[in-house]
Amino acid sequence: MEKSSMRKSALVRLRTNSQQQLLQKQPEQHTQQGSVSTSANAHEAPLVSGNLWKAIWVMSWPLLVATMATSLVDLVNVQVAGRLGSASQAAVGLAEQIIFIFQVFLLSVGVGTTAIVSRAYGRNDKDDVDFATAQSLSLSIMIGLALTAVALLSAHFVIPLLSQEAEMSTNCNLYLSIFALYLVPFSFVCIANAAFRAIGNARIPLVIISTEVIINIAGDYLTVVHNFPTPGLGVRGIAGSAVVGALVASIMAFMFLRGSQLKESLRQLLPLSAPLLNRIVNIGVPAALQRLSWGLSVCGLFFILSKVEHPTAALAAWTIGMRIEGMLFLPEMALSMAVSSIVGQNLGANRIDRAFRAGWAVTGIGAFLMGTVGIAIFAFARELAASMNAHDAATMECTTMYLQINAFGAVSQAVNAILSGALQGAGDTKATMWISIVCNWLIRLPLAWVLAVHMQMGANGAWIAMATSATLAAIAVSFRFKSGGWIGRKI
């Protein structure tokens, strides 16, 4: 009892000191906003007052449906590609992983957008909200154009390094030559949705993403299954459907911005502001490196899996397993995005205790849900593998073991994802970056190589390394959030 009281007292002192530091670091903003009443702030920033559980629900359910829709596309892409064979399934998985590495830069601009816009919205600073949104949109579009060019030029050099299977490499090149164009419209949609989430509006991103998903899935079946508009498109039809869906989504995002309280941001796209871009980059670069460390480590995992027995089956199993997990682990993704906006707005409104409570409350919800999902995945792993057209015996067995082994890391993945989202909402992206780098590069890959190749455990060794690194990452990010070192961070 005495030790517990001492810890609580220490935490109170930490929060008080951090709150004073925050006020000292932002004297002008708080002086200007000092006359804003609590009720006005609550009216402008709905996530900073009232019932916390209601705020979590209001943000989470649209994001859950949106992430479900996004993951459904990934599942359908792989399932439809399965009609073309295991080589096509593996090719789609590899090509999308390469594009993900490029996407991380755009997603990281979105992290910076959420942190800055949500905090500005929490302190009722409309000018900063509009200006940060505008500059983020401009920056992301320029990055999207540059990344599309790089992706198209580098495809022929990167793919041979990751796979020596001739059929898989050919299909991957075909897919990537079209899918790279997806990055341009995605750049606009990504930031527009991040800005809407930052102001507490998760329903507009839901509408945009749902429309994109419907177009993408319809295109998959029309081009591959029904041979529309011409037979033989193969993986090119899947890639083209994604590009068309993203184009329509970007047009919708623009129209929603024009009719929303963020409409003034469209008038401030140019000229670019170096100070504001610097704020976005300071948050976004560590977030990019965090995602990049994960994405590149997956490429490293591809290389390791190519050295095991039955490499094509192992790669196909990884592709299928990741898509199934992506679908079943949707709650943690939605909760991560929701808590990011909630923490950001409450820090802006100087509601430190509420930000703390939100982080732990959302984490508890996610851990319970993902624990339940993990049990279900373990029990029905073989049926899930079969549902994804894992038709040959080697792929079926490899996919089943992937799902069962990684089911043990379900709770850890939820804790890591949600608390990382909370820290990113506070702008504390350097901490999550280092945790990701250490766990992926110093633990996951070396352990996967030792178990899968050196000890000849095959793909199962790689799956064990994945579950182990996820657990260690969850422990590290929990300690960081509990420390409170993110509270007074200036962004």
Protein backbone atom coordinates (compact mmCIF):
# COMPACT_ATOMS: atom_id res chain seq x y z
CA MET A 1 0.00 0.00 0.00
CA GLU A 2 2.78 2.41 0.90
CA LYS A 3 4.73 1.68 -2.29
CA SER A 4 1.56 2.09 -4.35
CA SER A 5 0.88 5.49 -2.77
CA MET A 6 4.45 6.59 -3.47
CA ARG A 7 4.14 5.61 -7.14
CA LYS A 8 0.86 7.51 -7.47
CA SER A 9 2.37 10.59 -5.86
CA ALA A 10 5.35 10.42 -8.18
CA LEU A 11 3.05 10.18 -11.18
CA VAL A 12 1.05 13.19 -10.06
CA ARG A 13 4.27 15.21 -9.67
CA LEU A 14 5.41 14.07 -13.11
CA ARG A 15 2.18 15.17 -14.74
CA THR A 16 2.20 18.51 -12.90
CA ASN A 17 5.80 19.23 -13.88
CA SER A 18 5.18 18.17 -17.48
CA GLN A 19 2.11 20.40 -17.63
CA GLN A 20 4.17 23.36 -16.41
CA GLN A 21 6.86 22.60 -18.99
CA LEU A 22 4.23 22.49 -21.71
CA LEU A 23 2.90 25.87 -20.71
CA GLN A 24 6.41 27.31 -20.59
CA LYS A 25 7.27 25.96 -24.04
CA GLN A 26 4.15 27.43 -25.61
CA PRO A 27 3.63 30.73 -23.76
CA GLU A 28 2.35 32.74 -26.70
CA GLN A 29 -0.23 30.19 -27.74
CA HIS A 30 -1.61 29.77 -24.24
CA THR A 31 -1.64 33.51 -23.61
CA GLN A 32 -3.60 34.10 -26.79
CA GLN A 33 -6.01 31.28 -26.07
CA GLY A 34 -6.25 31.96 -22.36
CA SER A 35 -9.57 33.72 -22.70
CA VAL A 36 -11.18 30.72 -24.38
CA SER A 37 -13.54 29.09 -21.94
CA THR A 38 -13.65 25.42 -21.17
CA SER A 39 -17.11 25.16 -22.65
CA ALA A 40 -15.98 26.79 -25.89
CA ASN A 41 -13.07 24.41 -26.14
CA ALA A 42 -15.39 21.50 -25.52
CA HIS A 43 -17.70 22.76 -28.28
CA GLU A 44 -14.88 23.08 -30.80
CA ALA A 45 -13.01 19.92 -29.80
CA PRO A 46 -15.53 17.18 -28.99
CA LEU A 47 -12.88 14.70 -27.87
CA VAL A 48 -11.65 16.72 -24.89
CA SER A 49 -14.77 16.73 -22.71
CA GLY A 50 -17.70 14.56 -21.74
CA ASN A 51 -17.66 10.81 -21.38
CA LEU A 52 -14.28 9.39 -22.43
CA TRP A 53 -15.78 6.05 -23.46
CA LYS A 54 -18.21 7.84 -25.75
CA ALA A 55 -15.34 9.75 -27.37
CA ILE A 56 -13.50 6.46 -27.94
CA TRP A 57 -16.63 4.92 -29.47
CA VAL A 58 -17.39 7.91 -31.71
CA MET A 59 -13.88 7.79 -33.16
CA SER A 60 -13.39 4.03 -33.21
CA TRP A 61 -16.40 2.53 -34.93
CA PRO A 62 -16.07 4.42 -38.26
CA LEU A 63 -12.33 3.74 -38.27
CA LEU A 64 -12.99 0.08 -37.55
CA VAL A 65 -15.32 -0.20 -40.53
CA ALA A 66 -12.87 1.76 -42.70
CA THR A 67 -9.92 -0.44 -41.77
CA MET A 68 -12.11 -3.50 -42.29
CA ALA A 69 -12.85 -2.29 -45.79
CA THR A 70 -9.18 -1.64 -46.50
CA SER A 71 -8.13 -5.06 -45.27
CA LEU A 72 -10.94 -6.64 -47.26
CA VAL A 73 -9.29 -5.28 -50.39
CA ASP A 74 -6.00 -6.89 -49.40
CA LEU A 75 -7.75 -10.19 -48.83
CA VAL A 76 -9.62 -10.04 -52.13
CA ASN A 77 -6.46 -9.10 -54.02
CA VAL A 78 -4.68 -12.18 -52.70
CA GLN A 79 -7.72 -14.43 -53.07
CA VAL A 80 -8.32 -13.39 -56.68
CA ALA A 81 -4.61 -13.72 -57.41
CA GLY A 82 -4.89 -17.26 -56.03
CA ARG A 83 -7.02 -18.13 -59.06
CA LEU A 84 -3.91 -17.44 -61.12
CA GLY A 85 -1.66 -19.66 -58.95
CA SER A 86 0.61 -19.48 -55.91
CA ALA A 87 3.28 -17.60 -57.89
CA SER A 88 0.77 -14.80 -58.57
CA GLN A 89 -0.27 -14.71 -54.91
CA ALA A 90 3.34 -14.35 -53.82
CA ALA A 91 3.95 -11.74 -56.54
CA VAL A 92 1.03 -9.58 -55.39
CA GLY A 93 2.23 -9.80 -51.79
CA LEU A 94 5.81 -8.83 -52.70
CA ALA A 95 4.77 -5.97 -55.02
CA GLU A 96 2.40 -4.51 -52.43
CA GLN A 97 5.12 -4.75 -49.81
CA ILE A 98 7.47 -2.77 -52.06
CA ILE A 99 4.80 -0.10 -52.57
CA PHE A 100 4.19 -0.05 -48.82
CA ILE A 101 7.81 0.96 -48.34
CA PHE A 102 7.10 3.98 -50.54
CA GLN A 103 3.76 4.60 -48.84
CA VAL A 104 5.40 4.96 -45.44
CA PHE A 105 6.63 8.43 -46.36
CA LEU A 106 3.09 9.55 -47.15
CA LEU A 107 1.64 7.82 -44.11
CA SER A 108 4.24 9.57 -41.98
CA VAL A 109 3.20 12.96 -43.30
CA GLY A 110 -0.25 11.89 -42.11
CA VAL A 111 1.15 11.19 -38.64
CA GLY A 112 2.57 14.71 -38.53
CA THR A 113 -0.74 16.09 -39.80
CA THR A 114 -2.74 14.29 -37.11
CA ALA A 115 -0.41 15.41 -34.30
CA ILE A 116 -0.30 19.09 -35.32
CA VAL A 117 -3.90 19.50 -36.47
CA SER A 118 -5.43 17.64 -33.50
CA ARG A 119 -3.44 19.66 -31.00
CA ALA A 120 -4.33 22.94 -32.76
CA TYR A 121 -7.97 21.89 -32.85
CA GLY A 122 -7.87 21.05 -29.14
CA ARG A 123 -6.71 24.58 -28.28
CA ASN A 124 -9.25 26.07 -30.74
CA ASP A 125 -6.63 27.52 -33.13
CA LYS A 126 -8.52 27.45 -36.45
CA ASP A 127 -5.77 29.22 -38.40
CA ASP A 128 -3.16 26.63 -37.47
CA VAL A 129 -5.62 23.83 -38.29
CA ASP A 130 -6.20 25.13 -41.83
CA PHE A 131 -2.58 26.02 -42.51
CA ALA A 132 -1.20 22.69 -41.26
CA THR A 133 -3.74 20.79 -43.35
CA ALA A 134 -2.90 22.79 -46.47
CA GLN A 135 0.85 22.39 -46.15
CA SER A 136 0.51 18.67 -45.46
CA LEU A 137 -1.57 18.23 -48.61
CA SER A 138 0.99 20.06 -50.74
CA LEU A 139 3.91 18.14 -49.29
CA SER A 140 2.24 14.77 -49.71
CA ILE A 141 1.29 15.37 -53.35
CA MET A 142 4.88 16.29 -54.23
CA ILE A 143 6.17 13.22 -52.38
CA GLY A 144 3.59 11.03 -54.14
CA LEU A 145 4.71 12.18 -57.58
CA ALA A 146 8.38 11.63 -56.75
CA LEU A 147 7.77 8.19 -55.26
CA THR A 148 5.76 7.04 -58.28
CA ALA A 149 8.70 7.87 -60.55
CA VAL A 150 11.16 6.11 -58.25
CA ALA A 151 8.94 3.02 -57.94
CA LEU A 152 8.59 2.69 -61.72
CA LEU A 153 12.32 3.11 -62.31
CA SER A 154 13.53 0.83 -59.53
CA ALA A 155 11.16 -2.12 -59.98
CA HIS A 156 13.43 -4.03 -62.35
CA PHE A 157 16.38 -3.70 -59.98
CA VAL A 158 14.68 -4.44 -56.67
CA ILE A 159 12.56 -7.50 -57.49
CA PRO A 160 15.45 -9.80 -58.59
CA LEU A 161 17.12 -9.14 -55.24
CA LEU A 162 14.09 -10.41 -53.35
CA SER A 163 13.10 -13.43 -55.42
CA GLN A 164 14.82 -15.74 -57.90
CA GLU A 165 11.58 -17.45 -58.96
CA ALA A 166 11.14 -16.52 -62.65
CA GLU A 167 7.32 -16.68 -62.81
CA MET A 168 6.91 -14.78 -59.57
CA SER A 169 9.38 -12.06 -60.64
CA THR A 170 7.62 -11.57 -63.98
CA ASN A 171 4.19 -11.23 -62.36
CA CYS A 172 5.59 -8.89 -59.74
CA ASN A 173 7.02 -6.59 -62.43
CA LEU A 174 3.71 -6.54 -64.29
CA TYR A 175 1.79 -5.71 -61.12
CA LEU A 176 4.20 -3.05 -59.91
CA SER A 177 4.40 -1.25 -63.27
CA ILE A 178 0.73 -0.30 -62.85
CA PHE A 179 0.27 -0.27 -59.10
CA ALA A 180 3.00 2.38 -58.69
CA LEU A 181 0.55 4.94 -60.14
CA TYR A 182 -1.61 4.39 -57.06
CA LEU A 183 0.76 6.53 -54.98
CA VAL A 184 -0.35 9.87 -56.47
CA PRO A 185 -4.08 9.77 -55.62
CA PHE A 186 -3.27 7.92 -52.39
CA SER A 187 -1.13 10.87 -51.26
CA PHE A 188 -4.10 13.24 -51.34
CA VAL A 189 -6.56 10.79 -49.78
CA CYS A 190 -4.12 9.90 -46.99
CA ILE A 191 -3.69 13.48 -45.77
CA ALA A 192 -7.31 14.52 -46.24
CA ASN A 193 -8.43 11.58 -44.11
CA ALA A 194 -5.75 12.31 -41.49
CA ALA A 195 -6.98 15.90 -41.19
CA PHE A 196 -10.59 14.81 -40.81
CA ARG A 197 -9.63 12.31 -38.10
CA ALA A 198 -7.59 14.99 -36.32
CA ILE A 199 -10.66 17.21 -35.90
CA GLY A 200 -12.68 14.27 -34.62
CA ASN A 201 -14.56 13.44 -37.83
CA ALA A 202 -14.05 9.75 -38.60
CA ARG A 203 -17.17 9.34 -40.73
CA ILE A 204 -15.97 11.18 -43.83
CA PRO A 205 -12.85 8.97 -44.15
CA LEU A 206 -15.21 5.99 -43.82
CA VAL A 207 -17.28 7.13 -46.82
CA ILE A 208 -14.18 7.84 -48.92
CA ILE A 209 -12.48 4.54 -48.15
CA SER A 210 -15.67 2.50 -48.59
CA THR A 211 -16.19 3.90 -52.07
CA GLU A 212 -12.59 3.13 -53.02
CA VAL A 213 -12.93 -0.41 -51.71
CA ILE A 214 -16.12 -1.13 -53.65
CA ILE A 215 -14.51 0.01 -56.90
CA ASN A 216 -11.33 -1.96 -56.21
CA ILE A 217 -13.06 -5.23 -55.36
CA ALA A 218 -15.48 -4.96 -58.28
CA GLY A 219 -12.54 -4.35 -60.60
CA ASP A 220 -10.67 -7.40 -59.27
CA TYR A 221 -13.51 -9.77 -60.09
CA LEU A 222 -14.41 -8.10 -63.38
CA THR A 223 -10.88 -8.20 -64.76
CA VAL A 224 -9.64 -11.56 -63.45
CA VAL A 225 -12.76 -13.69 -62.98
CA HIS A 226 -14.97 -12.29 -65.77
CA ASN A 227 -12.17 -11.26 -68.18
CA PHE A 228 -13.46 -7.67 -68.52
CA PRO A 229 -12.66 -5.66 -70.60
CA THR A 230 -10.30 -8.19 -72.21
CA PRO A 231 -9.05 -11.68 -71.24
CA GLY A 232 -5.55 -12.30 -69.94
CA LEU A 233 -5.02 -9.19 -67.81
CA GLY A 234 -4.01 -11.32 -64.84
CA VAL A 235 -2.32 -9.39 -62.04
CA ARG A 236 -2.45 -6.23 -64.15
CA GLY A 237 -6.22 -6.19 -63.72
CA ILE A 238 -5.85 -6.30 -59.93
CA ALA A 239 -3.36 -3.41 -59.98
CA GLY A 240 -5.46 -1.32 -62.38
CA SER A 241 -8.54 -1.72 -60.17
CA ALA A 242 -6.60 -0.29 -57.22
CA VAL A 243 -5.49 2.74 -59.23
CA VAL A 244 -9.01 3.53 -60.48
CA GLY A 245 -10.44 3.20 -56.95
CA ALA A 246 -7.82 5.58 -55.55
CA LEU A 247 -8.51 8.16 -58.27
CA VAL A 248 -12.22 8.22 -57.46
CA ALA A 249 -11.43 8.43 -53.74
CA SER A 250 -9.13 11.43 -54.25
CA ILE A 251 -11.89 13.30 -56.11
CA MET A 252 -14.31 12.55 -53.27
CA ALA A 253 -11.78 13.72 -50.68
CA PHE A 254 -11.39 17.02 -52.52
CA MET A 255 -15.16 17.56 -52.64
CA PHE A 256 -15.55 16.77 -48.93
CA LEU A 257 -12.78 19.24 -48.06
CA ARG A 258 -14.52 21.96 -50.08
CA GLY A 259 -17.72 21.47 -48.10
CA SER A 260 -16.20 21.10 -44.63
CA GLN A 261 -14.77 23.36 -41.92
CA LEU A 262 -11.36 22.60 -43.48
CA LYS A 263 -12.29 24.31 -46.77
CA GLU A 264 -9.95 27.25 -46.12
CA SER A 265 -7.01 24.84 -46.32
CA LEU A 266 -7.55 24.48 -50.07
CA ARG A 267 -6.78 28.19 -50.48
CA GLN A 268 -3.44 27.89 -48.68
CA LEU A 269 -1.74 25.07 -50.59
CA LEU A 270 0.88 27.47 -51.93
CA PRO A 271 3.32 28.96 -51.22
CA LEU A 272 5.02 26.38 -49.05
CA SER A 273 5.99 27.42 -45.55
CA ALA A 274 9.41 26.21 -44.40
CA PRO A 275 8.65 26.56 -40.65
CA LEU A 276 5.40 24.61 -40.88
CA LEU A 277 6.88 21.94 -43.14
CA ASN A 278 9.71 21.63 -40.65
CA ARG A 279 7.18 20.92 -37.89
CA ILE A 280 5.54 18.23 -40.00
CA VAL A 281 8.87 16.70 -40.99
CA ASN A 282 10.19 16.63 -37.41
CA ILE A 283 7.27 14.42 -36.48
CA GLY A 284 6.96 12.58 -39.78
CA VAL A 285 10.58 11.55 -40.38
CA PRO A 286 10.87 9.38 -37.25
CA ALA A 287 7.44 7.92 -38.05
CA ALA A 288 8.65 7.21 -41.59
CA LEU A 289 11.78 5.53 -40.29
CA GLN A 290 9.67 3.46 -37.92
CA ARG A 291 7.43 2.22 -40.73
CA LEU A 292 10.41 1.88 -43.05
CA SER A 293 12.29 -0.25 -40.55
CA TRP A 294 9.30 -2.56 -40.42
CA GLY A 295 8.80 -2.58 -44.19
CA LEU A 296 12.45 -3.25 -44.99
CA SER A 297 12.62 -5.90 -42.30
CA VAL A 298 9.74 -7.64 -44.09
CA CYS A 299 11.82 -7.59 -47.28
CA GLY A 300 14.59 -9.13 -45.21
CA LEU A 301 12.09 -11.76 -44.07
CA PHE A 302 11.26 -12.43 -47.72
CA PHE A 303 14.95 -13.08 -48.33
CA ILE A 304 15.16 -15.45 -45.36
CA LEU A 305 12.04 -17.33 -46.46
CA SER A 306 13.53 -17.74 -49.94
CA LYS A 307 16.31 -19.82 -48.33
CA VAL A 308 14.08 -22.34 -46.58
CA GLU A 309 12.64 -25.57 -47.92
CA HIS A 310 9.62 -24.94 -50.18
CA PRO A 311 10.33 -21.18 -50.56
CA THR A 312 7.34 -20.45 -52.81
CA ALA A 313 4.98 -22.05 -50.31
CA ALA A 314 6.60 -20.09 -47.48
CA LEU A 315 6.27 -16.78 -49.34
CA ALA A 316 2.67 -17.54 -50.33
CA ALA A 317 1.90 -18.47 -46.71
CA TRP A 318 3.38 -15.19 -45.49
CA THR A 319 1.24 -13.28 -48.02
CA ILE A 320 -1.92 -15.14 -47.04
CA GLY A 321 -1.20 -15.01 -43.31
CA MET A 322 -0.53 -11.29 -43.29
CA ARG A 323 -3.79 -10.62 -45.12
CA ILE A 324 -5.80 -12.77 -42.74
CA GLU A 325 -4.19 -11.08 -39.75
CA GLY A 326 -4.79 -7.69 -41.33
CA MET A 327 -8.48 -8.52 -41.50
CA LEU A 328 -8.86 -10.05 -38.05
CA PHE A 329 -6.66 -7.53 -36.24
CA LEU A 330 -8.70 -4.58 -37.51
CA PRO A 331 -9.81 -3.37 -34.05
CA GLU A 332 -6.23 -2.59 -33.00
CA MET A 333 -5.66 -0.51 -36.15
CA ALA A 334 -8.88 1.44 -35.65
CA LEU A 335 -8.17 2.00 -31.96
CA SER A 336 -4.63 3.14 -32.74
CA MET A 337 -5.88 5.86 -35.09
CA ALA A 338 -8.66 6.84 -32.70
CA VAL A 339 -6.41 7.23 -29.66
CA SER A 340 -3.96 9.31 -31.70
CA SER A 341 -6.57 11.99 -32.32
CA ILE A 342 -7.94 11.80 -28.77
CA VAL A 343 -4.50 12.22 -27.18
CA GLY A 344 -3.58 15.04 -29.57
CA GLN A 345 -6.73 17.06 -28.92
CA ASN A 346 -6.50 16.62 -25.16
CA LEU A 347 -2.88 17.73 -25.08
CA GLY A 348 -3.89 20.79 -27.11
CA ALA A 349 -6.65 21.51 -24.60
CA ASN A 350 -4.17 20.88 -21.75
CA ARG A 351 -6.17 17.88 -20.49
CA ILE A 352 -3.12 15.83 -19.52
CA ASP A 353 -4.88 13.36 -17.22
CA ARG A 354 -7.55 12.66 -19.82
CA ALA A 355 -4.87 11.94 -22.43
CA PHE A 356 -3.27 9.45 -20.03
CA ARG A 357 -6.58 7.76 -19.27
CA ALA A 358 -7.46 7.54 -22.94
CA GLY A 359 -4.20 5.78 -23.77
CA TRP A 360 -4.63 3.09 -21.13
CA ALA A 361 -8.38 2.70 -21.65
CA VAL A 362 -8.06 2.14 -25.39
CA THR A 363 -5.15 -0.25 -24.83
CA GLY A 364 -7.23 -2.31 -22.43
CA ILE A 365 -10.03 -2.57 -24.97
CA GLY A 366 -7.61 -3.59 -27.70
CA ALA A 367 -5.83 -6.20 -25.57
CA PHE A 368 -9.12 -7.87 -24.65
CA LEU A 369 -10.42 -7.90 -28.22
CA MET A 370 -7.19 -9.15 -29.74
CA GLY A 371 -6.76 -11.80 -27.08
CA THR A 372 -10.15 -13.14 -28.10
CA VAL A 373 -9.24 -12.95 -31.78
CA GLY A 374 -5.93 -14.72 -31.11
CA ILE A 375 -7.73 -17.67 -29.54
CA ALA A 376 -10.08 -17.88 -32.52
CA ILE A 377 -7.19 -17.72 -35.01
CA PHE A 378 -5.37 -20.55 -33.25
CA ALA A 379 -8.47 -22.74 -33.19
CA PHE A 380 -9.50 -22.18 -36.82
CA ALA A 381 -6.12 -21.65 -38.47
CA ARG A 382 -6.51 -24.47 -41.00
CA GLU A 383 -9.98 -23.36 -42.05
CA LEU A 384 -8.76 -19.79 -42.49
CA ALA A 385 -5.86 -21.00 -44.64
CA ALA A 386 -8.20 -23.05 -46.80
CA SER A 387 -10.51 -20.06 -47.32
CA MET A 388 -7.67 -18.20 -49.04
CA ASN A 389 -7.14 -20.87 -51.71
CA ALA A 390 -4.04 -22.34 -50.11
CA HIS A 391 -4.70 -25.35 -52.35
CA ASP A 392 -1.36 -27.16 -52.29
CA ALA A 393 -0.35 -29.12 -49.20
CA ALA A 394 2.89 -27.24 -48.49
CA THR A 395 1.22 -23.81 -48.63
CA MET A 396 -1.70 -25.01 -46.51
CA GLU A 397 0.56 -26.37 -43.77
CA CYS A 398 2.84 -23.33 -43.80
CA THR A 399 -0.09 -20.90 -43.59
CA THR A 400 -1.68 -22.85 -40.74
CA MET A 401 1.53 -22.75 -38.70
CA TYR A 402 1.96 -19.02 -39.44
CA LEU A 403 -1.48 -18.27 -38.01
CA GLN A 404 -1.13 -20.49 -34.96
CA ILE A 405 2.31 -19.26 -33.95
CA ASN A 406 1.51 -15.58 -34.46
CA ALA A 407 -1.76 -15.98 -32.55
CA PHE A 408 0.38 -16.03 -29.39
CA GLY A 409 1.51 -12.48 -30.19
CA ALA A 410 -1.98 -11.08 -30.78
CA VAL A 411 -2.23 -9.19 -27.48
CA SER A 412 1.32 -7.86 -27.82
CA GLN A 413 0.58 -6.56 -31.31
CA ALA A 414 -2.49 -4.74 -29.99
CA VAL A 415 -0.60 -3.10 -27.11
CA ASN A 416 2.23 -2.03 -29.39
CA ALA A 417 -0.05 -0.62 -32.10
CA ILE A 418 -2.38 1.30 -29.77
CA LEU A 419 0.21 2.82 -27.47
CA SER A 420 2.36 3.70 -30.49
CA GLY A 421 -0.68 5.53 -31.87
CA ALA A 422 -1.06 7.40 -28.58
CA LEU A 423 2.60 8.43 -28.59
CA GLN A 424 2.39 9.52 -32.23
CA GLY A 425 -0.66 11.61 -31.43
CA ALA A 426 1.53 13.37 -28.87
CA GLY A 427 4.26 13.85 -31.48
CA ASP A 428 6.60 11.47 -29.66
CA THR A 429 7.62 9.59 -32.80
CA LYS A 430 11.33 9.18 -32.02
CA ALA A 431 10.63 6.76 -29.19
CA THR A 432 8.42 4.53 -31.34
CA MET A 433 11.01 4.73 -34.13
CA TRP A 434 13.82 3.35 -31.96
CA ILE A 435 11.61 0.63 -30.53
CA SER A 436 10.71 -0.48 -34.05
CA ILE A 437 14.30 -0.44 -35.30
CA VAL A 438 15.63 -2.44 -32.36
CA CYS A 439 12.85 -5.02 -32.34
CA ASN A 440 12.79 -5.57 -36.11
CA TRP A 441 16.46 -5.38 -37.01
CA LEU A 442 18.30 -6.46 -33.88
CA ILE A 443 15.81 -9.10 -32.74
CA ARG A 444 13.38 -10.28 -35.46
CA LEU A 445 15.68 -10.73 -38.46
CA PRO A 446 18.72 -12.23 -36.68
CA LEU A 447 16.47 -14.58 -34.72
CA ALA A 448 14.57 -15.55 -37.88
CA TRP A 449 17.83 -16.36 -39.69
CA VAL A 450 19.16 -18.44 -36.81
CA LEU A 451 15.93 -20.40 -36.34
CA ALA A 452 14.78 -20.75 -39.95
CA VAL A 453 18.10 -21.28 -41.75
CA HIS A 454 20.87 -22.08 -39.29
CA MET A 455 18.78 -24.39 -37.09
CA GLN A 456 16.79 -25.58 -40.14
CA MET A 457 13.39 -24.97 -38.57
CA GLY A 458 12.13 -23.63 -41.89
CA ALA A 459 9.36 -21.06 -42.09
CA ASN A 460 8.23 -21.89 -38.55
CA GLY A 461 11.45 -20.37 -37.24
CA ALA A 462 10.61 -17.10 -38.97
CA TRP A 463 7.10 -17.14 -37.50
CA ILE A 464 8.50 -17.66 -33.98
CA ALA A 465 10.85 -14.70 -34.48
CA MET A 466 7.89 -12.51 -35.50
CA ALA A 467 5.87 -13.38 -32.39
CA THR A 468 8.89 -12.87 -30.12
CA SER A 469 9.79 -9.43 -31.47
CA ALA A 470 6.15 -8.31 -31.24
CA THR A 471 6.09 -9.19 -27.53
CA LEU A 472 9.29 -7.30 -26.78
CA ALA A 473 8.06 -4.24 -28.71
CA ALA A 474 4.86 -4.18 -26.63
CA ILE A 475 6.83 -4.22 -23.40
CA ALA A 476 9.09 -1.37 -24.56
CA VAL A 477 6.28 0.92 -25.77
CA SER A 478 4.32 0.32 -22.54
CA PHE A 479 7.26 1.53 -20.46
CA ARG A 480 7.60 4.62 -22.68
CA PHE A 481 3.95 5.60 -22.34
CA LYS A 482 3.93 4.96 -18.59
CA SER A 483 7.02 7.18 -18.13
CA GLY A 484 5.08 10.28 -19.25
CA GLY A 485 8.09 11.60 -21.16
CA TRP A 486 5.82 12.40 -24.11
CA ILE A 487 3.59 14.86 -22.22
CA GLY A 488 5.57 18.07 -22.60
CA ARG A 489 6.82 17.42 -26.11
CA LYS A 490 6.64 20.56 -28.27
CA ILE A 491 5.47 20.11 -31.85
